Amino acid sequence: MGQTPIMLHPDRRLGEPMGEVRNVSDSEFNDTVNETEWVIVDFWAPWCAPCKAIGPVLEAVAQEREILVAKVDTEQNTTTAGQLGVRSIPALFIYRNGTMVSQKTGSMPKPKLLSWIDEVMTADDF
């Protein structure tokens, strides 16, 4: 059996990162979710153990998918979390072109997170 070649996006070079992880403040939030087609927002806090557990998973996801991971520290940025009704963290929200299309609360292993992201990104009900 032959190996299947790895296909890259035509605008990408091998080794170039796909997504990005960025710390975002309340004042940057709207611009951030509107600047890229796909954004996953991670509402977290430094004292939150599940938030610490999912952090490296989200960093890995940013390297594997064309998605911006926007991290919002709820201790420093309370306005956006309050507006979105975040009651427990980590809280993950997926935005497509500035519109929130899915959300989940709690930490999850990488395969489950990737499955959720892929399901949302391939849905055709937008």
Protein backbone atom coordinates (compact mmCIF):
# COMPACT_ATOMS: atom_id res chain seq x y z
CA MET A 1 0.00 0.00 0.00
CA GLY A 2 1.22 3.47 -0.86
CA GLN A 3 1.16 6.39 1.48
CA THR A 4 -1.32 9.19 1.00
CA PRO A 5 0.48 12.50 0.52
CA ILE A 6 -0.18 15.25 3.03
CA MET A 7 -2.13 18.00 1.36
CA LEU A 8 -1.49 21.57 2.44
CA HIS A 9 -3.66 24.59 1.91
CA PRO A 10 -2.37 26.15 -1.36
CA ASP A 11 -1.31 29.34 0.45
CA ARG A 12 0.61 27.50 3.20
CA ARG A 13 4.17 26.26 3.42
CA LEU A 14 5.17 23.12 5.30
CA GLY A 15 5.87 23.94 8.94
CA GLU A 16 3.85 27.16 8.86
CA PRO A 17 1.33 27.32 11.71
CA MET A 18 -2.33 27.13 10.75
CA GLY A 19 -4.08 29.01 13.52
CA GLU A 20 -3.07 31.34 16.29
CA VAL A 21 -3.58 31.69 20.05
CA ARG A 22 -4.12 35.24 21.26
CA ASN A 23 -4.99 36.85 24.61
CA VAL A 24 -7.97 39.13 24.08
CA SER A 25 -9.40 41.88 26.30
CA ASP A 26 -13.00 43.09 26.49
CA SER A 27 -12.10 46.07 24.30
CA GLU A 28 -10.60 43.80 21.60
CA PHE A 29 -13.29 41.12 21.68
CA ASN A 30 -15.65 42.31 18.91
CA ASP A 31 -12.83 43.13 16.50
CA THR A 32 -11.21 39.75 17.19
CA VAL A 33 -14.30 37.61 16.51
CA ASN A 34 -15.00 39.59 13.34
CA GLU A 35 -11.51 39.61 11.80
CA THR A 36 -11.20 35.89 11.00
CA GLU A 37 -13.69 33.41 9.57
CA TRP A 38 -13.34 30.96 12.48
CA VAL A 39 -12.62 31.88 16.11
CA ILE A 40 -12.89 29.76 19.22
CA VAL A 41 -13.11 31.89 22.36
CA ASP A 42 -11.82 30.38 25.60
CA PHE A 43 -13.14 32.11 28.73
CA TRP A 44 -10.76 31.11 31.53
CA ALA A 45 -9.15 32.23 34.80
CA PRO A 46 -5.67 31.66 36.23
CA TRP A 47 -7.00 29.79 39.31
CA CYS A 48 -9.15 27.38 37.24
CA ALA A 49 -7.62 23.88 37.07
CA PRO A 50 -9.80 22.66 34.14
CA CYS A 51 -8.84 25.88 32.29
CA LYS A 52 -5.17 25.06 32.80
CA ALA A 53 -5.80 21.53 31.50
CA ILE A 54 -7.50 22.64 28.28
CA GLY A 55 -4.98 25.43 27.54
CA PRO A 56 -2.35 23.17 25.92
CA VAL A 57 -5.09 21.31 24.05
CA LEU A 58 -6.32 24.58 22.52
CA GLU A 59 -2.74 25.51 21.57
CA ALA A 60 -2.39 22.18 19.77
CA VAL A 61 -5.74 22.69 18.02
CA ALA A 62 -4.56 26.09 16.77
CA GLN A 63 -1.66 24.32 15.06
CA GLU A 64 -3.96 21.78 13.39
CA ARG A 65 -6.95 23.84 12.29
CA GLU A 66 -7.40 27.19 10.57
CA ILE A 67 -8.95 28.76 13.64
CA LEU A 68 -8.00 31.62 15.92
CA VAL A 69 -8.04 30.73 19.61
CA ALA A 70 -8.96 33.88 21.54
CA LYS A 71 -8.30 33.53 25.27
CA VAL A 72 -10.30 35.86 27.54
CA ASP A 73 -9.17 35.99 31.19
CA THR A 74 -12.45 36.41 33.09
CA GLU A 75 -10.65 37.84 36.11
CA GLN A 76 -9.38 40.80 34.09
CA ASN A 77 -12.17 41.01 31.48
CA THR A 78 -15.58 40.59 33.08
CA THR A 79 -17.77 42.53 30.63
CA THR A 80 -17.81 40.16 27.67
CA ALA A 81 -18.22 37.07 29.84
CA GLY A 82 -21.16 38.74 31.58
CA GLN A 83 -22.77 39.79 28.31
CA LEU A 84 -22.55 36.22 27.00
CA GLY A 85 -23.88 34.70 30.24
CA VAL A 86 -20.73 32.77 31.11
CA ARG A 87 -21.45 31.13 34.47
CA SER A 88 -18.70 28.52 34.65
CA ILE A 89 -15.30 28.11 33.05
CA PRO A 90 -13.72 27.04 30.87
CA ALA A 91 -16.43 28.20 28.51
CA LEU A 92 -15.77 27.76 24.79
CA PHE A 93 -17.62 29.67 22.09
CA ILE A 94 -17.11 29.14 18.36
CA TYR A 95 -17.68 32.13 16.08
CA ARG A 96 -17.96 32.12 12.31
CA ASN A 97 -17.59 35.51 10.63
CA GLY A 98 -18.51 37.28 13.87
CA THR A 99 -21.57 35.18 14.70
CA MET A 100 -21.55 32.73 17.60
CA VAL A 101 -22.48 29.31 16.21
CA SER A 102 -21.77 26.89 19.07
CA GLN A 103 -20.71 26.78 22.71
CA LYS A 104 -19.60 24.26 25.33
CA THR A 105 -18.60 24.46 28.96
CA GLY A 106 -15.90 22.44 30.68
CA SER A 107 -12.60 20.87 29.79
CA MET A 108 -12.43 18.02 27.30
CA PRO A 109 -9.76 15.79 25.80
CA LYS A 110 -8.26 16.77 22.47
CA PRO A 111 -10.13 14.15 20.36
CA LYS A 112 -13.48 15.33 21.74
CA LEU A 113 -12.57 19.00 21.22
CA LEU A 114 -11.43 18.35 17.63
CA SER A 115 -14.59 16.36 16.92
CA TRP A 116 -16.75 19.25 18.16
CA ILE A 117 -14.78 21.85 16.18
CA ASP A 118 -14.85 19.75 13.00
CA GLU A 119 -18.59 19.12 13.37
CA VAL A 120 -19.25 22.86 13.71
CA MET A 121 -16.87 23.88 10.91
CA THR A 122 -18.36 21.39 8.43
CA ALA A 123 -22.03 22.04 9.26
CA ASP A 124 -23.96 23.57 6.38
CA ASP A 125 -26.76 25.19 8.35
CA PHE A 126 -25.26 28.67 8.66
